[in-house]
Amino acid sequence: MKHHIGKACLITLSIFLATGASNANVAKSEAVAKPAASTAKAENGGKVGKPKAATVKAVDINSAGKAELMTLPGIDAARADKIIAGRPYLSKAFLVTRNIIPAGVYENIRRQIIAKQK
């Protein structure tokens, strides 16, 4: 009986030590993370968190001029002319379904464009 109690104590002790070691690693990583948060706090004027991303104004494919369309990645003068000639669009996906631009270009700009209706 003493033999079984000894094994149980050893197993419990090894679990306790293993758990304690993993908790020590967590405490170390939290200690390392704190200076980074204080640096971000200093850079953001005392506020903690992610810096705000600049908001990008969506380009309306039904009303944008050629120069504004050409600011989109993958849209050159010829594609901008095709977009203007194919107006109005009920949906921005019509750029692909009407073969105005390739699907790959559309995937790159789909979050940057809208198709407002009058």
N, C-alpha and C. Protein backbone atom coordinates (compact mmCIF):
# COMPACT_ATOMS: atom_id res chain seq x y z
N MET A 1 0.82 -1.19 0.00
CA MET A 1 0.00 0.00 0.00
C MET A 1 0.87 1.25 0.00
N LYS A 2 1.95 1.23 0.79
CA LYS A 2 2.84 2.38 0.83
C LYS A 2 3.44 2.64 -0.54
N HIS A 3 3.66 1.58 -1.28
CA HIS A 3 4.26 1.70 -2.61
C HIS A 3 3.33 2.49 -3.54
N HIS A 4 2.04 2.25 -3.49
CA HIS A 4 1.08 2.94 -4.34
C HIS A 4 0.93 4.41 -3.95
N ILE A 5 1.01 4.68 -2.66
CA ILE A 5 0.92 6.07 -2.18
C ILE A 5 2.15 6.84 -2.64
N GLY A 6 3.28 6.20 -2.62
CA GLY A 6 4.52 6.84 -3.07
C GLY A 6 4.47 7.18 -4.55
N LYS A 7 3.94 6.27 -5.37
CA LYS A 7 3.79 6.53 -6.80
C LYS A 7 2.82 7.67 -7.05
N ALA A 8 1.72 7.67 -6.31
CA ALA A 8 0.72 8.73 -6.48
C ALA A 8 1.31 10.08 -6.11
N CYS A 9 2.12 10.11 -5.06
CA CYS A 9 2.77 11.37 -4.66
C CYS A 9 3.75 11.84 -5.72
N LEU A 10 4.51 10.93 -6.29
CA LEU A 10 5.46 11.29 -7.33
C LEU A 10 4.75 11.81 -8.58
N ILE A 11 3.67 11.16 -8.95
CA ILE A 11 2.90 11.60 -10.13
C ILE A 11 2.32 12.98 -9.88
N THR A 12 1.74 13.19 -8.70
CA THR A 12 1.16 14.48 -8.36
C THR A 12 2.24 15.56 -8.34
N LEU A 13 3.40 15.25 -7.78
CA LEU A 13 4.50 16.21 -7.72
C LEU A 13 4.99 16.55 -9.12
N SER A 14 5.10 15.57 -10.01
CA SER A 14 5.57 15.85 -11.36
C SER A 14 4.56 16.70 -12.13
N ILE A 15 3.27 16.45 -11.94
CA ILE A 15 2.24 17.28 -12.58
C ILE A 15 2.31 18.70 -12.04
N PHE A 16 2.47 18.82 -10.75
CA PHE A 16 2.56 20.14 -10.12
C PHE A 16 3.76 20.92 -10.65
N LEU A 17 4.90 20.27 -10.75
CA LEU A 17 6.10 20.94 -11.25
C LEU A 17 5.96 21.32 -12.73
N ALA A 18 5.36 20.43 -13.51
CA ALA A 18 5.18 20.73 -14.93
C ALA A 18 4.24 21.91 -15.11
N THR A 19 3.18 21.96 -14.34
CA THR A 19 2.24 23.06 -14.42
C THR A 19 2.87 24.36 -13.94
N GLY A 20 3.65 24.27 -12.89
CA GLY A 20 4.32 25.46 -12.37
C GLY A 20 5.32 26.03 -13.37
N ALA A 21 6.01 25.16 -14.09
CA ALA A 21 6.99 25.61 -15.08
C ALA A 21 6.28 26.29 -16.24
N SER A 22 5.14 25.76 -16.68
CA SER A 22 4.44 26.40 -17.79
C SER A 22 3.86 27.74 -17.35
N ASN A 23 3.39 27.85 -16.12
CA ASN A 23 2.89 29.12 -15.61
C ASN A 23 4.01 30.15 -15.49
N ALA A 24 5.21 29.69 -15.16
CA ALA A 24 6.34 30.61 -15.08
C ALA A 24 6.66 31.18 -16.45
N ASN A 25 6.55 30.36 -17.50
CA ASN A 25 6.80 30.84 -18.86
C ASN A 25 5.76 31.87 -19.27
N VAL A 26 4.51 31.68 -18.87
CA VAL A 26 3.45 32.64 -19.18
C VAL A 26 3.74 33.95 -18.47
N ALA A 27 4.15 33.89 -17.23
CA ALA A 27 4.46 35.10 -16.48
C ALA A 27 5.62 35.85 -17.13
N LYS A 28 6.63 35.11 -17.62
CA LYS A 28 7.76 35.75 -18.30
C LYS A 28 7.32 36.46 -19.56
N SER A 29 6.47 35.80 -20.37
CA SER A 29 6.03 36.41 -21.63
C SER A 29 5.18 37.63 -21.36
N GLU A 30 4.39 37.63 -20.29
CA GLU A 30 3.60 38.81 -19.95
C GLU A 30 4.51 39.95 -19.52
N ALA A 31 5.58 39.63 -18.81
CA ALA A 31 6.51 40.66 -18.37
C ALA A 31 7.22 41.28 -19.57
N VAL A 32 7.51 40.47 -20.56
CA VAL A 32 8.17 40.97 -21.76
C VAL A 32 7.22 41.83 -22.57
N ALA A 33 5.93 41.50 -22.58
CA ALA A 33 4.95 42.24 -23.38
C ALA A 33 4.64 43.62 -22.80
N LYS A 34 4.81 43.82 -21.52
CA LYS A 34 4.46 45.09 -20.90
C LYS A 34 5.26 46.27 -21.43
N PRO A 35 6.56 46.17 -21.64
CA PRO A 35 7.26 47.34 -22.20
C PRO A 35 6.77 47.71 -23.58
N ALA A 36 6.38 46.74 -24.40
CA ALA A 36 5.86 47.05 -25.73
C ALA A 36 4.57 47.84 -25.62
N ALA A 37 3.72 47.48 -24.65
CA ALA A 37 2.47 48.21 -24.47
C ALA A 37 2.74 49.63 -24.00
N SER A 38 3.73 49.82 -23.14
CA SER A 38 4.03 51.17 -22.68
C SER A 38 4.61 52.01 -23.81
N THR A 39 5.36 51.38 -24.73
CA THR A 39 5.87 52.10 -25.89
C THR A 39 4.73 52.53 -26.78
N ALA A 40 3.76 51.62 -27.02
CA ALA A 40 2.60 51.97 -27.84
C ALA A 40 1.80 53.08 -27.17
N LYS A 41 1.74 53.05 -25.85
CA LYS A 41 1.01 54.07 -25.11
C LYS A 41 1.67 55.43 -25.31
N ALA A 42 2.98 55.47 -25.30
CA ALA A 42 3.69 56.74 -25.48
C ALA A 42 3.52 57.26 -26.91
N GLU A 43 3.52 56.34 -27.89
CA GLU A 43 3.40 56.76 -29.29
C GLU A 43 1.99 57.21 -29.64
N ASN A 44 0.98 56.70 -28.95
CA ASN A 44 -0.41 57.04 -29.25
C ASN A 44 -0.95 58.13 -28.35
N GLY A 45 -0.11 58.91 -27.76
CA GLY A 45 -0.57 60.02 -26.92
C GLY A 45 -1.23 59.56 -25.63
N GLY A 46 -0.72 58.47 -25.03
CA GLY A 46 -1.25 58.01 -23.77
C GLY A 46 -2.35 56.97 -23.91
N LYS A 47 -2.76 56.63 -25.12
CA LYS A 47 -3.81 55.63 -25.33
C LYS A 47 -3.18 54.29 -25.66
N VAL A 48 -3.72 53.24 -25.07
CA VAL A 48 -3.23 51.90 -25.34
C VAL A 48 -4.12 51.27 -26.42
N GLY A 49 -3.51 50.53 -27.32
CA GLY A 49 -4.28 49.86 -28.37
C GLY A 49 -3.61 50.05 -29.71
N LYS A 50 -4.27 49.54 -30.74
CA LYS A 50 -3.72 49.66 -32.09
C LYS A 50 -3.87 51.09 -32.58
N PRO A 51 -2.88 51.57 -33.34
CA PRO A 51 -3.06 52.87 -33.96
C PRO A 51 -4.16 52.78 -35.02
N LYS A 52 -4.93 53.81 -35.17
CA LYS A 52 -6.03 53.82 -36.13
C LYS A 52 -5.48 53.86 -37.55
N ALA A 53 -6.05 53.02 -38.39
CA ALA A 53 -5.66 53.01 -39.80
C ALA A 53 -6.37 54.16 -40.51
N ALA A 54 -5.71 54.69 -41.50
CA ALA A 54 -6.31 55.78 -42.27
C ALA A 54 -7.50 55.22 -43.04
N THR A 55 -8.61 55.92 -42.98
CA THR A 55 -9.78 55.45 -43.71
C THR A 55 -9.63 55.81 -45.19
N VAL A 56 -9.91 54.85 -46.03
CA VAL A 56 -9.79 55.03 -47.46
C VAL A 56 -11.19 55.24 -48.02
N LYS A 57 -11.35 56.31 -48.79
CA LYS A 57 -12.64 56.60 -49.40
C LYS A 57 -12.83 55.67 -50.59
N ALA A 58 -13.97 55.01 -50.63
CA ALA A 58 -14.26 54.09 -51.73
C ALA A 58 -14.54 54.87 -53.01
N VAL A 59 -14.10 54.34 -54.12
CA VAL A 59 -14.27 54.95 -55.42
C VAL A 59 -15.58 54.43 -56.02
N ASP A 60 -16.47 55.33 -56.40
CA ASP A 60 -17.74 54.97 -57.02
C ASP A 60 -17.51 54.77 -58.52
N ILE A 61 -17.69 53.54 -58.98
CA ILE A 61 -17.42 53.24 -60.39
C ILE A 61 -18.47 53.84 -61.32
N ASN A 62 -19.59 54.30 -60.78
CA ASN A 62 -20.63 54.93 -61.61
C ASN A 62 -20.44 56.43 -61.78
N SER A 63 -19.59 57.05 -60.97
CA SER A 63 -19.44 58.49 -61.08
C SER A 63 -18.00 58.99 -61.07
N ALA A 64 -17.04 58.13 -60.79
CA ALA A 64 -15.64 58.57 -60.70
C ALA A 64 -15.09 58.94 -62.07
N GLY A 65 -14.22 59.92 -62.07
CA GLY A 65 -13.56 60.32 -63.30
C GLY A 65 -12.41 59.38 -63.63
N LYS A 66 -11.85 59.57 -64.80
CA LYS A 66 -10.77 58.71 -65.27
C LYS A 66 -9.57 58.76 -64.33
N ALA A 67 -9.21 59.95 -63.87
CA ALA A 67 -8.05 60.09 -62.99
C ALA A 67 -8.27 59.37 -61.67
N GLU A 68 -9.50 59.45 -61.14
CA GLU A 68 -9.78 58.79 -59.86
C GLU A 68 -9.77 57.27 -60.03
N LEU A 69 -10.29 56.77 -61.14
CA LEU A 69 -10.27 55.33 -61.40
C LEU A 69 -8.84 54.82 -61.54
N MET A 70 -7.98 55.64 -62.13
CA MET A 70 -6.59 55.22 -62.34
C MET A 70 -5.78 55.17 -61.05
N THR A 71 -6.32 55.67 -59.94
CA THR A 71 -5.63 55.56 -58.65
C THR A 71 -5.75 54.15 -58.08
N LEU A 72 -6.67 53.35 -58.61
CA LEU A 72 -6.85 51.98 -58.16
C LEU A 72 -5.76 51.09 -58.74
N PRO A 73 -5.26 50.12 -57.97
CA PRO A 73 -4.21 49.24 -58.48
C PRO A 73 -4.73 48.36 -59.62
N GLY A 74 -3.98 48.31 -60.71
CA GLY A 74 -4.36 47.48 -61.86
C GLY A 74 -5.26 48.18 -62.86
N ILE A 75 -5.64 49.42 -62.58
CA ILE A 75 -6.49 50.16 -63.52
C ILE A 75 -5.64 51.20 -64.23
N ASP A 76 -5.41 50.97 -65.52
CA ASP A 76 -4.67 51.93 -66.34
C ASP A 76 -5.67 52.76 -67.14
N ALA A 77 -5.18 53.59 -68.04
CA ALA A 77 -6.04 54.49 -68.81
C ALA A 77 -7.06 53.71 -69.65
N ALA A 78 -6.63 52.62 -70.28
CA ALA A 78 -7.53 51.84 -71.13
C ALA A 78 -8.65 51.20 -70.31
N ARG A 79 -8.31 50.64 -69.15
CA ARG A 79 -9.34 50.03 -68.31
C ARG A 79 -10.27 51.08 -67.72
N ALA A 80 -9.72 52.23 -67.37
CA ALA A 80 -10.58 53.32 -66.87
C ALA A 80 -11.57 53.74 -67.93
N ASP A 81 -11.13 53.83 -69.18
CA ASP A 81 -12.04 54.18 -70.29
C ASP A 81 -13.14 53.12 -70.46
N LYS A 82 -12.76 51.83 -70.33
CA LYS A 82 -13.74 50.76 -70.45
C LYS A 82 -14.77 50.82 -69.31
N ILE A 83 -14.32 51.16 -68.11
CA ILE A 83 -15.23 51.28 -66.97
C ILE A 83 -16.23 52.40 -67.22
N ILE A 84 -15.73 53.53 -67.68
CA ILE A 84 -16.59 54.69 -67.95
C ILE A 84 -17.58 54.37 -69.06
N ALA A 85 -17.14 53.69 -70.11
CA ALA A 85 -18.00 53.38 -71.24
C ALA A 85 -19.12 52.39 -70.88
N GLY A 86 -18.88 51.54 -69.88
CA GLY A 86 -19.86 50.52 -69.52
C GLY A 86 -20.88 50.95 -68.48
N ARG A 87 -20.88 52.19 -68.08
CA ARG A 87 -21.79 52.67 -67.04
C ARG A 87 -23.22 52.69 -67.52
N PRO A 88 -24.18 52.59 -66.65
CA PRO A 88 -24.12 52.41 -65.19
C PRO A 88 -24.02 50.93 -64.82
N TYR A 89 -23.49 50.67 -63.63
CA TYR A 89 -23.35 49.33 -63.10
C TYR A 89 -24.31 49.17 -61.92
N LEU A 90 -25.07 48.09 -61.91
CA LEU A 90 -25.96 47.81 -60.78
C LEU A 90 -25.17 47.26 -59.60
N SER A 91 -24.05 46.62 -59.90
CA SER A 91 -23.19 46.04 -58.88
C SER A 91 -21.75 46.17 -59.33
N LYS A 92 -20.84 46.25 -58.37
CA LYS A 92 -19.43 46.35 -58.74
C LYS A 92 -18.93 45.06 -59.38
N ALA A 93 -19.61 43.94 -59.11
CA ALA A 93 -19.22 42.65 -59.70
C ALA A 93 -19.45 42.64 -61.21
N PHE A 94 -20.26 43.56 -61.72
CA PHE A 94 -20.49 43.64 -63.16
C PHE A 94 -19.21 43.97 -63.92
N LEU A 95 -18.22 44.51 -63.26
CA LEU A 95 -16.94 44.78 -63.92
C LEU A 95 -16.33 43.49 -64.45
N VAL A 96 -16.55 42.39 -63.74
CA VAL A 96 -16.02 41.09 -64.17
C VAL A 96 -17.00 40.39 -65.10
N THR A 97 -18.29 40.41 -64.75
CA THR A 97 -19.26 39.68 -65.57
C THR A 97 -19.41 40.28 -66.96
N ARG A 98 -19.16 41.56 -67.11
CA ARG A 98 -19.22 42.22 -68.43
C ARG A 98 -17.85 42.26 -69.10
N ASN A 99 -16.87 41.59 -68.53
CA ASN A 99 -15.50 41.53 -69.06
C ASN A 99 -14.85 42.90 -69.21
N ILE A 100 -15.11 43.78 -68.25
CA ILE A 100 -14.46 45.10 -68.25
C ILE A 100 -13.05 44.98 -67.69
N ILE A 101 -12.90 44.23 -66.60
CA ILE A 101 -11.58 43.99 -66.00
C ILE A 101 -11.46 42.50 -65.68
N PRO A 102 -10.23 41.98 -65.59
CA PRO A 102 -10.04 40.57 -65.22
C PRO A 102 -10.41 40.32 -63.75
N ALA A 103 -10.74 39.08 -63.45
CA ALA A 103 -11.13 38.71 -62.08
C ALA A 103 -10.02 38.98 -61.07
N GLY A 104 -8.78 38.79 -61.44
CA GLY A 104 -7.66 39.04 -60.53
C GLY A 104 -7.55 40.51 -60.13
N VAL A 105 -7.75 41.40 -61.09
CA VAL A 105 -7.72 42.83 -60.79
C VAL A 105 -8.90 43.19 -59.90
N TYR A 106 -10.06 42.61 -60.20
CA TYR A 106 -11.25 42.87 -59.38
C TYR A 106 -11.03 42.44 -57.93
N GLU A 107 -10.42 41.28 -57.72
CA GLU A 107 -10.15 40.81 -56.35
C GLU A 107 -9.26 41.78 -55.59
N ASN A 108 -8.33 42.42 -56.28
CA ASN A 108 -7.44 43.38 -55.62
C ASN A 108 -8.12 44.69 -55.26
N ILE A 109 -9.16 45.08 -56.01
CA ILE A 109 -9.78 46.39 -55.79
C ILE A 109 -11.20 46.32 -55.24
N ARG A 110 -11.77 45.15 -55.07
CA ARG A 110 -13.18 45.04 -54.71
C ARG A 110 -13.53 45.72 -53.39
N ARG A 111 -12.60 45.81 -52.47
CA ARG A 111 -12.86 46.49 -51.19
C ARG A 111 -12.70 48.00 -51.30
N GLN A 112 -12.19 48.46 -52.41
CA GLN A 112 -11.94 49.89 -52.59
C GLN A 112 -12.96 50.55 -53.49
N ILE A 113 -13.89 49.78 -54.05
CA ILE A 113 -14.85 50.35 -54.99
C ILE A 113 -16.28 50.09 -54.52
N ILE A 114 -17.19 50.95 -55.00
CA ILE A 114 -18.62 50.81 -54.78
C ILE A 114 -19.34 51.14 -56.07
N ALA A 115 -20.62 50.78 -56.15
CA ALA A 115 -21.45 51.12 -57.32
C ALA A 115 -22.72 51.75 -56.81
N LYS A 116 -22.67 53.06 -56.57
CA LYS A 116 -23.85 53.78 -56.08
C LYS A 116 -24.89 53.88 -57.18
N GLN A 117 -26.15 53.82 -56.76
CA GLN A 117 -27.26 53.95 -57.69
C GLN A 117 -27.88 55.33 -57.52
N LYS A 118 -28.38 55.89 -58.62
CA LYS A 118 -29.01 57.21 -58.56
C LYS A 118 -30.46 57.10 -58.18
